[in-house]
Amino acid sequence: MLSFRRLSENNLDHVQEYDTPEHLLLNEESAFSKMVQSISAANAQYLRNLVLGGEENILGREETSQLDG
């Protein structure tokens, strides 16, 4: 789920929020971020590093490819 491009957080019959995992985790008020915060601190940090660290790596590769191009 964390590698998806977009996540949809559903609440009964409507979409509660829809965005990238990165944006949802960065928004501490999002339901997805709160769900991650509700698990153990070590697991929450692992998931944040997995998602946000991956985003930093992707952005770095994009910047490098633009400089090379």
Protein backbone atom coordinates (compact mmCIF):
# COMPACT_ATOMS: atom_id res chain seq x y z
CA MET A 1 0.00 0.00 0.00
CA LEU A 2 2.82 2.42 0.76
CA SER A 3 4.26 2.04 -2.72
CA PHE A 4 0.99 3.11 -4.39
CA ARG A 5 0.97 6.41 -6.26
CA ARG A 6 -2.33 7.46 -4.67
CA LEU A 7 -4.27 6.27 -1.65
CA SER A 8 -7.97 6.57 -1.00
CA GLU A 9 -9.07 6.60 2.63
CA ASN A 10 -12.72 5.59 2.73
CA ASN A 11 -15.13 6.22 5.55
CA LEU A 12 -18.31 4.17 5.09
CA ASP A 13 -19.81 5.43 1.83
CA HIS A 14 -17.55 8.35 0.89
CA VAL A 15 -13.88 9.04 0.20
CA GLN A 16 -12.39 10.70 3.25
CA GLU A 17 -9.08 11.66 1.61
CA TYR A 18 -7.17 10.95 -1.57
CA ASP A 19 -3.51 11.78 -2.19
CA THR A 20 -0.05 10.26 -2.41
CA PRO A 21 1.23 8.31 0.61
CA GLU A 22 3.94 10.96 0.99
CA HIS A 23 1.49 13.86 1.18
CA LEU A 24 -0.85 11.99 3.48
CA LEU A 25 1.98 11.11 5.87
CA LEU A 26 3.29 14.68 5.87
CA ASN A 27 -0.17 15.96 6.82
CA GLU A 28 -0.39 15.01 10.50
CA GLU A 29 -4.16 15.66 10.44
CA SER A 30 -4.83 13.11 7.67
CA ALA A 31 -6.60 9.88 8.59
CA PHE A 32 -3.77 7.90 6.98
CA SER A 33 -1.11 9.71 9.03
CA LYS A 34 -3.15 9.19 12.20
CA MET A 35 -3.51 5.49 11.38
CA VAL A 36 0.28 5.19 11.03
CA GLN A 37 0.78 7.15 14.27
CA SER A 38 -1.54 4.74 16.10
CA ILE A 39 0.81 1.77 15.65
CA SER A 40 3.97 1.28 17.69
CA ALA A 41 6.46 4.14 17.49
CA ALA A 42 9.14 1.93 15.94
CA ASN A 43 6.81 0.62 13.23
CA ALA A 44 5.44 4.11 12.52
CA GLN A 45 8.97 5.46 12.11
CA TYR A 46 9.90 2.54 9.86
CA LEU A 47 6.90 3.22 7.60
CA ARG A 48 7.63 6.95 7.49
CA ASN A 49 11.26 6.29 6.57
CA LEU A 50 10.17 3.79 3.95
CA VAL A 51 7.77 6.22 2.28
CA LEU A 52 9.51 9.54 2.80
CA GLY A 53 13.00 8.17 2.30
CA GLY A 54 11.84 6.61 -0.95
CA GLU A 55 10.39 9.94 -2.08
CA GLU A 56 13.67 11.72 -1.38
CA ASN A 57 15.51 9.10 -3.42
CA ILE A 58 13.04 9.44 -6.29
CA LEU A 59 13.35 13.24 -6.27
CA GLY A 60 17.12 12.98 -6.19
CA ARG A 61 17.12 10.63 -9.19
CA GLU A 62 14.78 12.96 -11.11
CA GLU A 63 17.01 15.96 -10.42
CA THR A 64 20.08 13.99 -11.47
CA SER A 65 18.44 12.81 -14.69
CA GLN A 66 17.40 16.39 -15.49
CA LEU A 67 20.97 17.57 -14.98
CA ASP A 68 22.30 14.73 -17.15
CA GLY A 69 19.68 15.31 -19.88
